[in-house]
PDB file of all heavy atoms in Angstrom:
ATOM      1  N   GLU A   1     102.765 126.542 120.499  1.00  0.00           N
ATOM      2  CA  GLU A   1     102.313 126.672 121.884  1.00  0.00           C
ATOM      3  C   GLU A   1     100.994 125.941 122.122  1.00  0.00           C
ATOM      4  O   GLU A   1     100.727 125.475 123.232  1.00  0.00           O
ATOM      5  CB  GLU A   1     102.138 128.149 122.247  1.00  0.00           C
ATOM      6  CG  GLU A   1     103.443 128.931 122.372  1.00  0.00           C
ATOM      7  CD  GLU A   1     103.987 129.389 121.029  1.00  0.00           C
ATOM      8  OE1 GLU A   1     103.396 129.003 119.997  1.00  0.00           O
ATOM      9  OE2 GLU A   1     104.986 130.110 121.016  1.00  0.00           O
ATOM     10  N   LEU A   2     100.178 125.819 121.102  1.00  0.00           N
ATOM     11  CA  LEU A   2      98.865 125.194 121.266  1.00  0.00           C
ATOM     12  C   LEU A   2      98.947 123.732 121.683  1.00  0.00           C
ATOM     13  O   LEU A   2      98.080 123.237 122.398  1.00  0.00           O
ATOM     14  CB  LEU A   2      98.074 125.299 119.952  1.00  0.00           C
ATOM     15  CG  LEU A   2      97.481 126.661 119.613  1.00  0.00           C
ATOM     16  CD1 LEU A   2      96.919 126.640 118.196  1.00  0.00           C
ATOM     17  CD2 LEU A   2      96.383 127.017 120.603  1.00  0.00           C
ATOM     18  N   ILE A   3      99.975 123.030 121.211  1.00  0.00           N
ATOM     19  CA  ILE A   3     100.053 121.584 121.461  1.00  0.00           C
ATOM     20  C   ILE A   3     101.196 121.240 122.411  1.00  0.00           C
ATOM     21  O   ILE A   3     101.676 120.112 122.424  1.00  0.00           O
ATOM     22  CB  ILE A   3     100.221 120.816 120.134  1.00  0.00           C
ATOM     23  CG1 ILE A   3     101.465 121.296 119.388  1.00  0.00           C
ATOM     24  CG2 ILE A   3      98.990 120.968 119.268  1.00  0.00           C
ATOM     25  CD1 ILE A   3     101.789 120.449 118.166  1.00  0.00           C
ATOM     26  N   ALA A   4     101.618 122.192 123.211  1.00  0.00           N
ATOM     27  CA  ALA A   4     102.723 121.943 124.143  1.00  0.00           C
ATOM     28  C   ALA A   4     102.381 120.847 125.143  1.00  0.00           C
ATOM     29  O   ALA A   4     103.260 120.094 125.589  1.00  0.00           O
ATOM     30  CB  ALA A   4     103.092 123.238 124.866  1.00  0.00           C
ATOM     31  N   ASP A   5     101.098 120.725 125.512  1.00  0.00           N
ATOM     32  CA  ASP A   5     100.705 119.735 126.519  1.00  0.00           C
ATOM     33  C   ASP A   5     100.153 118.458 125.902  1.00  0.00           C
ATOM     34  O   ASP A   5      99.608 117.606 126.613  1.00  0.00           O
ATOM     35  CB  ASP A   5      99.654 120.333 127.453  1.00  0.00           C
ATOM     36  CG  ASP A   5      98.407 120.793 126.711  1.00  0.00           C
ATOM     37  OD1 ASP A   5      98.478 120.976 125.479  1.00  0.00           O
ATOM     38  OD2 ASP A   5      97.348 120.986 127.373  1.00  0.00           O
ATOM     39  N   ALA A   6     100.285 118.286 124.596  1.00  0.00           N
ATOM     40  CA  ALA A   6      99.783 117.074 123.932  1.00  0.00           C
ATOM     41  C   ALA A   6     100.660 115.878 124.289  1.00  0.00           C
ATOM     42  O   ALA A   6     101.846 116.007 124.605  1.00  0.00           O
ATOM     43  CB  ALA A   6      99.752 117.274 122.418  1.00  0.00           C
ATOM     44  N   SER A   7     100.079 114.692 124.224  1.00  0.00           N
ATOM     45  CA  SER A   7     100.813 113.463 124.523  1.00  0.00           C
ATOM     46  C   SER A   7     101.932 113.246 123.502  1.00  0.00           C
ATOM     47  O   SER A   7     101.841 113.671 122.346  1.00  0.00           O
ATOM     48  CB  SER A   7      99.854 112.268 124.496  1.00  0.00           C
ATOM     49  OG  SER A   7     100.559 111.043 124.508  1.00  0.00           O
ATOM     50  N   TRP A   8     102.976 112.556 123.928  1.00  0.00           N
ATOM     51  CA  TRP A   8     104.103 112.297 123.035  1.00  0.00           C
ATOM     52  C   TRP A   8     103.679 111.439 121.838  1.00  0.00           C
ATOM     53  O   TRP A   8     104.302 111.510 120.770  1.00  0.00           O
ATOM     54  CB  TRP A   8     105.237 111.592 123.791  1.00  0.00           C
ATOM     55  CG  TRP A   8     104.927 110.165 124.188  1.00  0.00           C
ATOM     56  CD1 TRP A   8     104.378 109.727 125.351  1.00  0.00           C
ATOM     57  CD2 TRP A   8     105.143 108.993 123.374  1.00  0.00           C
ATOM     58  NE1 TRP A   8     104.233 108.367 125.335  1.00  0.00           N
ATOM     59  CE2 TRP A   8     104.703 107.882 124.137  1.00  0.00           C
ATOM     60  CE3 TRP A   8     105.668 108.775 122.114  1.00  0.00           C
ATOM     61  CZ2 TRP A   8     104.776 106.576 123.656  1.00  0.00           C
ATOM     62  CZ3 TRP A   8     105.733 107.476 121.620  1.00  0.00           C
ATOM     63  CH2 TRP A   8     105.298 106.385 122.387  1.00  0.00           C
ATOM     64  N   VAL A   9     102.599 110.660 122.004  1.00  0.00           N
ATOM     65  CA  VAL A   9     102.124 109.835 120.891  1.00  0.00           C
ATOM     66  C   VAL A   9     101.598 110.726 119.768  1.00  0.00           C
ATOM     67  O   VAL A   9     101.900 110.508 118.586  1.00  0.00           O
ATOM     68  CB  VAL A   9     101.028 108.858 121.358  1.00  0.00           C
ATOM     69  CG1 VAL A   9     100.520 108.019 120.182  1.00  0.00           C
ATOM     70  CG2 VAL A   9     101.554 107.960 122.464  1.00  0.00           C
ATOM     71  N   PHE A  10     100.814 111.731 120.112  1.00  0.00           N
ATOM     72  CA  PHE A  10     100.341 112.681 119.112  1.00  0.00           C
ATOM     73  C   PHE A  10     101.518 113.395 118.452  1.00  0.00           C
ATOM     74  O   PHE A  10     101.547 113.563 117.222  1.00  0.00           O
ATOM     75  CB  PHE A  10      99.406 113.711 119.756  1.00  0.00           C
ATOM     76  CG  PHE A  10      98.051 113.185 120.106  1.00  0.00           C
ATOM     77  CD1 PHE A  10      97.708 112.941 121.426  1.00  0.00           C
ATOM     78  CD2 PHE A  10      97.102 112.939 119.120  1.00  0.00           C
ATOM     79  CE1 PHE A  10      96.451 112.462 121.754  1.00  0.00           C
ATOM     80  CE2 PHE A  10      95.843 112.466 119.441  1.00  0.00           C
ATOM     81  CZ  PHE A  10      95.517 112.221 120.757  1.00  0.00           C
ATOM     82  N   LYS A  11     102.458 113.819 119.269  1.00  0.00           N
ATOM     83  CA  LYS A  11     103.597 114.567 118.723  1.00  0.00           C
ATOM     84  C   LYS A  11     104.459 113.691 117.814  1.00  0.00           C
ATOM     85  O   LYS A  11     104.930 114.148 116.760  1.00  0.00           O
ATOM     86  CB  LYS A  11     104.443 115.121 119.873  1.00  0.00           C
ATOM     87  CG  LYS A  11     103.736 116.198 120.691  1.00  0.00           C
ATOM     88  CD  LYS A  11     104.631 116.722 121.809  1.00  0.00           C
ATOM     89  CE  LYS A  11     103.929 117.798 122.615  1.00  0.00           C
ATOM     90  NZ  LYS A  11     104.775 118.314 123.727  1.00  0.00           N
ATOM     91  N   ALA A  12     104.664 112.436 118.207  1.00  0.00           N
ATOM     92  CA  ALA A  12     105.454 111.534 117.360  1.00  0.00           C
ATOM     93  C   ALA A  12     104.734 111.272 116.042  1.00  0.00           C
ATOM     94  O   ALA A  12     105.362 111.211 114.978  1.00  0.00           O
ATOM     95  CB  ALA A  12     105.703 110.214 118.106  1.00  0.00           C
ATOM     96  N   HIS A  13     103.412 111.115 116.110  1.00  0.00           N
ATOM     97  CA  HIS A  13     102.611 110.896 114.901  1.00  0.00           C
ATOM     98  C   HIS A  13     102.712 112.092 113.965  1.00  0.00           C
ATOM     99  O   HIS A  13     102.852 111.943 112.738  1.00  0.00           O
ATOM    100  CB  HIS A  13     101.160 110.648 115.303  1.00  0.00           C
ATOM    101  CG  HIS A  13     100.249 110.313 114.177  1.00  0.00           C
ATOM    102  ND1 HIS A  13     100.462 109.254 113.320  1.00  0.00           N
ATOM    103  CD2 HIS A  13      99.087 110.902 113.753  1.00  0.00           C
ATOM    104  CE1 HIS A  13      99.491 109.200 112.411  1.00  0.00           C
ATOM    105  NE2 HIS A  13      98.646 110.189 112.657  1.00  0.00           N
ATOM    106  N   MET A  14     102.661 113.282 114.515  1.00  0.00           N
ATOM    107  CA  MET A  14     102.751 114.497 113.711  1.00  0.00           C
ATOM    108  C   MET A  14     104.154 114.678 113.134  1.00  0.00           C
ATOM    109  O   MET A  14     104.313 115.016 111.954  1.00  0.00           O
ATOM    110  CB  MET A  14     102.363 115.705 114.571  1.00  0.00           C
ATOM    111  CG  MET A  14     100.907 115.683 115.023  1.00  0.00           C
ATOM    112  SD  MET A  14     100.583 116.815 116.394  1.00  0.00           S
ATOM    113  CE  MET A  14     100.855 118.391 115.594  1.00  0.00           C
ATOM    114  N   PHE A  15     105.169 114.440 113.943  1.00  0.00           N
ATOM    115  CA  PHE A  15     106.544 114.592 113.469  1.00  0.00           C
ATOM    116  C   PHE A  15     106.855 113.608 112.350  1.00  0.00           C
ATOM    117  O   PHE A  15     107.463 113.970 111.337  1.00  0.00           O
ATOM    118  CB  PHE A  15     107.520 114.396 114.625  1.00  0.00           C
ATOM    119  CG  PHE A  15     108.957 114.378 114.195  1.00  0.00           C
ATOM    120  CD1 PHE A  15     109.615 115.549 113.851  1.00  0.00           C
ATOM    121  CD2 PHE A  15     109.659 113.183 114.131  1.00  0.00           C
ATOM    122  CE1 PHE A  15     110.940 115.532 113.439  1.00  0.00           C
ATOM    123  CE2 PHE A  15     110.979 113.152 113.720  1.00  0.00           C
ATOM    124  CZ  PHE A  15     111.625 114.339 113.380  1.00  0.00           C
ATOM    125  N   LEU A  16     106.444 112.366 112.519  1.00  0.00           N
ATOM    126  CA  LEU A  16     106.708 111.362 111.497  1.00  0.00           C
ATOM    127  C   LEU A  16     105.928 111.684 110.221  1.00  0.00           C
ATOM    128  O   LEU A  16     106.444 111.476 109.112  1.00  0.00           O
ATOM    129  CB  LEU A  16     106.330 109.975 112.010  1.00  0.00           C
ATOM    130  CG  LEU A  16     106.724 108.787 111.120  1.00  0.00           C
ATOM    131  CD1 LEU A  16     108.210 108.831 110.791  1.00  0.00           C
ATOM    132  CD2 LEU A  16     106.371 107.472 111.809  1.00  0.00           C
ATOM    133  N   GLY A  17     104.717 112.194 110.367  1.00  0.00           N
ATOM    134  CA  GLY A  17     103.950 112.590 109.191  1.00  0.00           C
ATOM    135  C   GLY A  17     104.663 113.686 108.411  1.00  0.00           C
ATOM    136  O   GLY A  17     104.732 113.645 107.171  1.00  0.00           O
ATOM    137  N   MET A  18     105.201 114.684 109.109  1.00  0.00           N
ATOM    138  CA  MET A  18     105.942 115.754 108.436  1.00  0.00           C
ATOM    139  C   MET A  18     107.222 115.216 107.802  1.00  0.00           C
ATOM    140  O   MET A  18     107.617 115.641 106.703  1.00  0.00           O
ATOM    141  CB  MET A  18     106.261 116.873 109.433  1.00  0.00           C
ATOM    142  CG  MET A  18     105.039 117.642 109.902  1.00  0.00           C
ATOM    143  SD  MET A  18     105.448 119.036 110.983  1.00  0.00           S
ATOM    144  CE  MET A  18     105.886 118.172 112.509  1.00  0.00           C
ATOM    145  N   SER A  19     107.856 114.261 108.448  1.00  0.00           N
ATOM    146  CA  SER A  19     109.085 113.676 107.913  1.00  0.00           C
ATOM    147  C   SER A  19     108.819 112.880 106.634  1.00  0.00           C
ATOM    148  O   SER A  19     109.673 112.831 105.743  1.00  0.00           O
ATOM    149  CB  SER A  19     109.742 112.779 108.968  1.00  0.00           C
ATOM    150  OG  SER A  19     110.085 113.517 110.119  1.00  0.00           O
ATOM    151  N   ILE A  20     107.653 112.260 106.534  1.00  0.00           N
ATOM    152  CA  ILE A  20     107.289 111.554 105.301  1.00  0.00           C
ATOM    153  C   ILE A  20     107.148 112.548 104.156  1.00  0.00           C
ATOM    154  O   ILE A  20     107.508 112.254 103.013  1.00  0.00           O
ATOM    155  CB  ILE A  20     106.005 110.743 105.514  1.00  0.00           C
ATOM    156  CG1 ILE A  20     106.291 109.564 106.469  1.00  0.00           C
ATOM    157  CG2 ILE A  20     105.450 110.217 104.189  1.00  0.00           C
ATOM    158  CD1 ILE A  20     105.072 108.757 106.848  1.00  0.00           C
ATOM    159  N   PHE A  21     106.664 113.756 104.449  1.00  0.00           N
ATOM    160  CA  PHE A  21     106.622 114.797 103.424  1.00  0.00           C
ATOM    161  C   PHE A  21     108.031 115.181 102.989  1.00  0.00           C
ATOM    162  O   PHE A  21     108.254 115.516 101.820  1.00  0.00           O
ATOM    163  CB  PHE A  21     105.886 116.025 103.960  1.00  0.00           C
ATOM    164  CG  PHE A  21     104.394 115.955 103.825  1.00  0.00           C
ATOM    165  CD1 PHE A  21     103.613 115.454 104.857  1.00  0.00           C
ATOM    166  CD2 PHE A  21     103.766 116.381 102.664  1.00  0.00           C
ATOM    167  CE1 PHE A  21     102.233 115.377 104.732  1.00  0.00           C
ATOM    168  CE2 PHE A  21     102.386 116.310 102.526  1.00  0.00           C
ATOM    169  CZ  PHE A  21     101.619 115.806 103.568  1.00  0.00           C
ATOM    170  N   VAL A  22     108.987 115.130 103.912  1.00  0.00           N
ATOM    171  CA  VAL A  22     110.370 115.483 103.581  1.00  0.00           C
ATOM    172  C   VAL A  22     110.970 114.487 102.602  1.00  0.00           C
ATOM    173  O   VAL A  22     111.635 114.865 101.625  1.00  0.00           O
ATOM    174  CB  VAL A  22     111.229 115.563 104.864  1.00  0.00           C
ATOM    175  CG1 VAL A  22     112.709 115.698 104.520  1.00  0.00           C
ATOM    176  CG2 VAL A  22     110.785 116.738 105.728  1.00  0.00           C
ATOM    177  N   ILE A  23     110.752 113.191 102.824  1.00  0.00           N
ATOM    178  CA  ILE A  23     111.359 112.180 101.961  1.00  0.00           C
ATOM    179  C   ILE A  23     110.523 111.905 100.713  1.00  0.00           C
ATOM    180  O   ILE A  23     110.971 111.192  99.813  1.00  0.00           O
ATOM    181  CB  ILE A  23     111.579 110.862 102.727  1.00  0.00           C
ATOM    182  CG1 ILE A  23     110.238 110.203 103.077  1.00  0.00           C
ATOM    183  CG2 ILE A  23     112.412 111.092 103.984  1.00  0.00           C
ATOM    184  CD1 ILE A  23     110.366 108.809 103.610  1.00  0.00           C
ATOM    185  N   PHE A  24     109.324 112.473 100.657  1.00  0.00           N
ATOM    186  CA  PHE A  24     108.401 112.231  99.547  1.00  0.00           C
ATOM    187  C   PHE A  24     109.060 112.396  98.165  1.00  0.00           C
ATOM    188  O   PHE A  24     108.955 111.502  97.318  1.00  0.00           O
ATOM    189  CB  PHE A  24     107.202 113.167  99.685  1.00  0.00           C
ATOM    190  CG  PHE A  24     106.132 112.993  98.648  1.00  0.00           C
ATOM    191  CD1 PHE A  24     104.990 112.255  98.924  1.00  0.00           C
ATOM    192  CD2 PHE A  24     106.249 113.578  97.398  1.00  0.00           C
ATOM    193  CE1 PHE A  24     103.997 112.099  97.971  1.00  0.00           C
ATOM    194  CE2 PHE A  24     105.263 113.424  96.436  1.00  0.00           C
ATOM    195  CZ  PHE A  24     104.136 112.691  96.725  1.00  0.00           C
ATOM    196  N   PRO A  25     109.752 113.503  97.883  1.00  0.00           N
ATOM    197  CA  PRO A  25     110.295 113.695  96.533  1.00  0.00           C
ATOM    198  C   PRO A  25     111.405 112.725  96.167  1.00  0.00           C
ATOM    199  O   PRO A  25     111.753 112.614  94.983  1.00  0.00           O
ATOM    200  CB  PRO A  25     110.829 115.139  96.564  1.00  0.00           C
ATOM    201  CG  PRO A  25     110.208 115.777  97.760  1.00  0.00           C
ATOM    202  CD  PRO A  25     110.018 114.667  98.743  1.00  0.00           C
ATOM    203  N   PHE A  26     111.972 112.019  97.133  1.00  0.00           N
ATOM    204  CA  PHE A  26     113.121 111.154  96.884  1.00  0.00           C
ATOM    205  C   PHE A  26     112.747 109.671  96.851  1.00  0.00           C
ATOM    206  O   PHE A  26     113.621 108.816  96.809  1.00  0.00           O
ATOM    207  CB  PHE A  26     114.177 111.390  97.964  1.00  0.00           C
ATOM    208  CG  PHE A  26     114.455 112.847  98.205  1.00  0.00           C
ATOM    209  CD1 PHE A  26     113.946 113.493  99.325  1.00  0.00           C
ATOM    210  CD2 PHE A  26     115.201 113.584  97.292  1.00  0.00           C
ATOM    211  CE1 PHE A  26     114.185 114.842  99.546  1.00  0.00           C
ATOM    212  CE2 PHE A  26     115.447 114.933  97.504  1.00  0.00           C
ATOM    213  CZ  PHE A  26     114.939 115.566  98.635  1.00  0.00           C
ATOM    214  N   THR A  27     111.447 109.378  96.880  1.00  0.00           N
ATOM    215  CA  THR A  27     110.985 107.994  96.916  1.00  0.00           C
ATOM    216  C   THR A  27     109.948 107.769  95.825  1.00  0.00           C
ATOM    217  O   THR A  27     109.615 108.669  95.050  1.00  0.00           O
ATOM    218  CB  THR A  27     110.360 107.661  98.278  1.00  0.00           C
ATOM    219  OG1 THR A  27     109.157 108.435  98.448  1.00  0.00           O
ATOM    220  CG2 THR A  27     111.326 107.974  99.416  1.00  0.00           C
ATOM    221  N   ARG A  28     109.414 106.559  95.800  1.00  0.00           N
ATOM    222  CA  ARG A  28     108.375 106.211  94.835  1.00  0.00           C
ATOM    223  C   ARG A  28     107.058 106.913  95.119  1.00  0.00           C
ATOM    224  O   ARG A  28     106.123 106.839  94.311  1.00  0.00           O
ATOM    225  CB  ARG A  28     108.142 104.701  94.829  1.00  0.00           C
ATOM    226  CG  ARG A  28     107.639 104.168  96.165  1.00  0.00           C
ATOM    227  CD  ARG A  28     107.220 102.718  96.090  1.00  0.00           C
ATOM    228  NE  ARG A  28     108.299 101.850  95.667  1.00  0.00           N
ATOM    229  CZ  ARG A  28     108.112 100.668  95.101  1.00  0.00           C
ATOM    230  NH1 ARG A  28     106.898 100.239  94.880  1.00  0.00           N
ATOM    231  NH2 ARG A  28     109.134  99.911  94.771  1.00  0.00           N
ATOM    232  N   LEU A  29     106.947 107.599  96.249  1.00  0.00           N
ATOM    233  CA  LEU A  29     105.712 108.292  96.588  1.00  0.00           C
ATOM    234  C   LEU A  29     105.351 109.386  95.591  1.00  0.00           C
ATOM    235  O   LEU A  29     104.193 109.821  95.544  1.00  0.00           O
ATOM    236  CB  LEU A  29     105.815 108.903  97.993  1.00  0.00           C
ATOM    237  CG  LEU A  29     105.673 107.953  99.182  1.00  0.00           C
ATOM    238  CD1 LEU A  29     105.892 108.701 100.486  1.00  0.00           C
ATOM    239  CD2 LEU A  29     104.320 107.267  99.182  1.00  0.00           C
ATOM    240  N   VAL A  30     106.316 109.820  94.786  1.00  0.00           N
ATOM    241  CA  VAL A  30     106.021 110.907  93.841  1.00  0.00           C
ATOM    242  C   VAL A  30     104.928 110.521  92.850  1.00  0.00           C
ATOM    243  O   VAL A  30     104.286 111.394  92.250  1.00  0.00           O
ATOM    244  CB  VAL A  30     107.285 111.338  93.070  1.00  0.00           C
ATOM    245  CG1 VAL A  30     108.270 112.039  93.970  1.00  0.00           C
ATOM    246  CG2 VAL A  30     107.928 110.150  92.378  1.00  0.00           C
ATOM    247  N   HIS A  31     104.699 109.207  92.661  1.00  0.00           N
ATOM    248  CA  HIS A  31     103.665 108.805  91.705  1.00  0.00           C
ATOM    249  C   HIS A  31     102.271 109.203  92.183  1.00  0.00           C
ATOM    250  O   HIS A  31     101.317 109.153  91.401  1.00  0.00           O
ATOM    251  CB  HIS A  31     103.727 107.294  91.446  1.00  0.00           C
ATOM    252  CG  HIS A  31     103.111 106.460  92.526  1.00  0.00           C
ATOM    253  ND1 HIS A  31     103.763 106.163  93.701  1.00  0.00           N
ATOM    254  CD2 HIS A  31     101.889 105.855  92.611  1.00  0.00           C
ATOM    255  CE1 HIS A  31     102.991 105.408  94.451  1.00  0.00           C
ATOM    256  NE2 HIS A  31     101.846 105.206  93.817  1.00  0.00           N
ATOM    257  N   VAL A  32     102.163 109.625  93.452  1.00  0.00           N
ATOM    258  CA  VAL A  32     100.877 110.110  93.950  1.00  0.00           C
ATOM    259  C   VAL A  32     100.434 111.337  93.159  1.00  0.00           C
ATOM    260  O   VAL A  32      99.246 111.509  92.860  1.00  0.00           O
ATOM    261  CB  VAL A  32     100.976 110.441  95.454  1.00  0.00           C
ATOM    262  CG1 VAL A  32      99.678 111.062  95.952  1.00  0.00           C
ATOM    263  CG2 VAL A  32     101.300 109.183  96.249  1.00  0.00           C
ATOM    264  N   TRP A  33     101.393 112.198  92.804  1.00  0.00           N
ATOM    265  CA  TRP A  33     101.060 113.378  92.006  1.00  0.00           C
ATOM    266  C   TRP A  33     100.401 112.982  90.691  1.00  0.00           C
ATOM    267  O   TRP A  33      99.466 113.634  90.227  1.00  0.00           O
ATOM    268  CB  TRP A  33     102.320 114.194  91.715  1.00  0.00           C
ATOM    269  CG  TRP A  33     102.840 115.005  92.850  1.00  0.00           C
ATOM    270  CD1 TRP A  33     104.043 114.853  93.477  1.00  0.00           C
ATOM    271  CD2 TRP A  33     102.208 116.121  93.502  1.00  0.00           C
ATOM    272  NE1 TRP A  33     104.195 115.791  94.482  1.00  0.00           N
ATOM    273  CE2 TRP A  33     103.091 116.574  94.510  1.00  0.00           C
ATOM    274  CE3 TRP A  33     100.991 116.764  93.333  1.00  0.00           C
ATOM    275  CZ2 TRP A  33     102.787 117.649  95.333  1.00  0.00           C
ATOM    276  CZ3 TRP A  33     100.683 117.846  94.158  1.00  0.00           C
ATOM    277  CH2 TRP A  33     101.571 118.272  95.138  1.00  0.00           C
ATOM    278  N   SER A  34     100.909 111.926  90.062  1.00  0.00           N
ATOM    279  CA  SER A  34     100.336 111.471  88.796  1.00  0.00           C
ATOM    280  C   SER A  34      98.909 110.982  88.992  1.00  0.00           C
ATOM    281  O   SER A  34      98.051 111.149  88.117  1.00  0.00           O
ATOM    282  CB  SER A  34     101.189 110.339  88.200  1.00  0.00           C
ATOM    283  OG  SER A  34     102.501 110.800  87.924  1.00  0.00           O
ATOM    284  N   GLY A  35      98.649 110.351  90.152  1.00  0.00           N
ATOM    285  CA  GLY A  35      97.283 109.923  90.437  1.00  0.00           C
ATOM    286  C   GLY A  35      96.315 111.088  90.503  1.00  0.00           C
ATOM    287  O   GLY A  35      95.209 111.040  89.951  1.00  0.00           O
ATOM    288  N   PHE A  36      96.736 112.173  91.161  1.00  0.00           N
ATOM    289  CA  PHE A  36      95.893 113.362  91.202  1.00  0.00           C
ATOM    290  C   PHE A  36      95.786 114.003  89.819  1.00  0.00           C
ATOM    291  O   PHE A  36      94.759 114.589  89.468  1.00  0.00           O
ATOM    292  CB  PHE A  36      96.445 114.383  92.200  1.00  0.00           C
ATOM    293  CG  PHE A  36      96.310 113.966  93.630  1.00  0.00           C
ATOM    294  CD1 PHE A  36      97.396 114.007  94.492  1.00  0.00           C
ATOM    295  CD2 PHE A  36      95.097 113.537  94.130  1.00  0.00           C
ATOM    296  CE1 PHE A  36      97.280 113.617  95.815  1.00  0.00           C
ATOM    297  CE2 PHE A  36      94.959 113.150  95.458  1.00  0.00           C
ATOM    298  CZ  PHE A  36      96.053 113.195  96.305  1.00  0.00           C
ATOM    299  N   GLY A  37      96.859 113.886  89.032  1.00  0.00           N
ATOM    300  CA  GLY A  37      96.851 114.479  87.700  1.00  0.00           C
ATOM    301  C   GLY A  37      95.848 113.834  86.769  1.00  0.00           C
ATOM    302  O   GLY A  37      95.365 114.468  85.824  1.00  0.00           O
ATOM    303  N   THR A  38      95.515 112.572  87.005  1.00  0.00           N
ATOM    304  CA  THR A  38      94.557 111.890  86.136  1.00  0.00           C
ATOM    305  C   THR A  38      93.152 112.475  86.245  1.00  0.00           C
ATOM    306  O   THR A  38      92.312 112.227  85.378  1.00  0.00           O
ATOM    307  CB  THR A  38      94.490 110.390  86.465  1.00  0.00           C
ATOM    308  OG1 THR A  38      94.132 110.223  87.853  1.00  0.00           O
ATOM    309  CG2 THR A  38      95.827 109.714  86.204  1.00  0.00           C
ATOM    310  N   LEU A  39      92.892 113.252  87.299  1.00  0.00           N
ATOM    311  CA  LEU A  39      91.581 113.893  87.424  1.00  0.00           C
ATOM    312  C   LEU A  39      91.326 114.861  86.283  1.00  0.00           C
ATOM    313  O   LEU A  39      90.178 115.188  85.967  1.00  0.00           O
ATOM    314  CB  LEU A  39      91.485 114.624  88.769  1.00  0.00           C
ATOM    315  CG  LEU A  39      91.579 113.753  90.031  1.00  0.00           C
ATOM    316  CD1 LEU A  39      91.563 114.623  91.276  1.00  0.00           C
ATOM    317  CD2 LEU A  39      90.439 112.747  90.077  1.00  0.00           C
ATOM    318  N   ALA A  40      92.407 115.332  85.622  1.00  0.00           N
ATOM    319  CA  ALA A  40      92.248 116.250  84.502  1.00  0.00           C
ATOM    320  C   ALA A  40      91.550 115.592  83.317  1.00  0.00           C
ATOM    321  O   ALA A  40      90.951 116.275  82.477  1.00  0.00           O
ATOM    322  CB  ALA A  40      93.612 116.785  84.068  1.00  0.00           C
ATOM    323  N   TYR A  41      91.611 114.260  83.255  1.00  0.00           N
ATOM    324  CA  TYR A  41      90.971 113.568  82.149  1.00  0.00           C
ATOM    325  C   TYR A  41      89.452 113.667  82.210  1.00  0.00           C
ATOM    326  O   TYR A  41      88.767 113.447  81.211  1.00  0.00           O
ATOM    327  CB  TYR A  41      91.390 112.088  82.133  1.00  0.00           C
ATOM    328  CG  TYR A  41      92.756 111.871  81.573  1.00  0.00           C
ATOM    329  CD1 TYR A  41      93.881 111.882  82.396  1.00  0.00           C
ATOM    330  CD2 TYR A  41      92.947 111.659  80.214  1.00  0.00           C
ATOM    331  CE1 TYR A  41      95.154 111.687  81.879  1.00  0.00           C
ATOM    332  CE2 TYR A  41      94.210 111.463  79.679  1.00  0.00           C
ATOM    333  CZ  TYR A  41      95.314 111.475  80.527  1.00  0.00           C
ATOM    334  OH  TYR A  41      96.567 111.288  80.014  1.00  0.00           O
ATOM    335  N   VAL A  42      88.909 113.997  83.385  1.00  0.00           N
ATOM    336  CA  VAL A  42      87.454 114.115  83.510  1.00  0.00           C
ATOM    337  C   VAL A  42      86.937 115.264  82.659  1.00  0.00           C
ATOM    338  O   VAL A  42      85.853 115.188  82.053  1.00  0.00           O
ATOM    339  CB  VAL A  42      87.063 114.319  84.991  1.00  0.00           C
ATOM    340  CG1 VAL A  42      85.565 114.543  85.122  1.00  0.00           C
ATOM    341  CG2 VAL A  42      87.502 113.124  85.822  1.00  0.00           C
ATOM    342  N   THR A  43      87.700 116.350  82.601  1.00  0.00           N
ATOM    343  CA  THR A  43      87.278 117.532  81.839  1.00  0.00           C
ATOM    344  C   THR A  43      87.996 117.653  80.499  1.00  0.00           C
ATOM    345  O   THR A  43      87.782 118.612  79.776  1.00  0.00           O
ATOM    346  CB  THR A  43      87.558 118.803  82.664  1.00  0.00           C
ATOM    347  OG1 THR A  43      88.965 118.875  82.986  1.00  0.00           O
ATOM    348  CG2 THR A  43      86.756 118.794  83.957  1.00  0.00           C
TER     349      THR A  43
END
């Protein structure tokens, strides 16, 4: 309800962002997790 009056550009940007999270596990984007995992080498 908070964003019911937002412009369609904002809504499309938000929807597409959520959709990228949906396809994330099925694409090469999963290597992002490994990038965050390398932070463990600091400690």
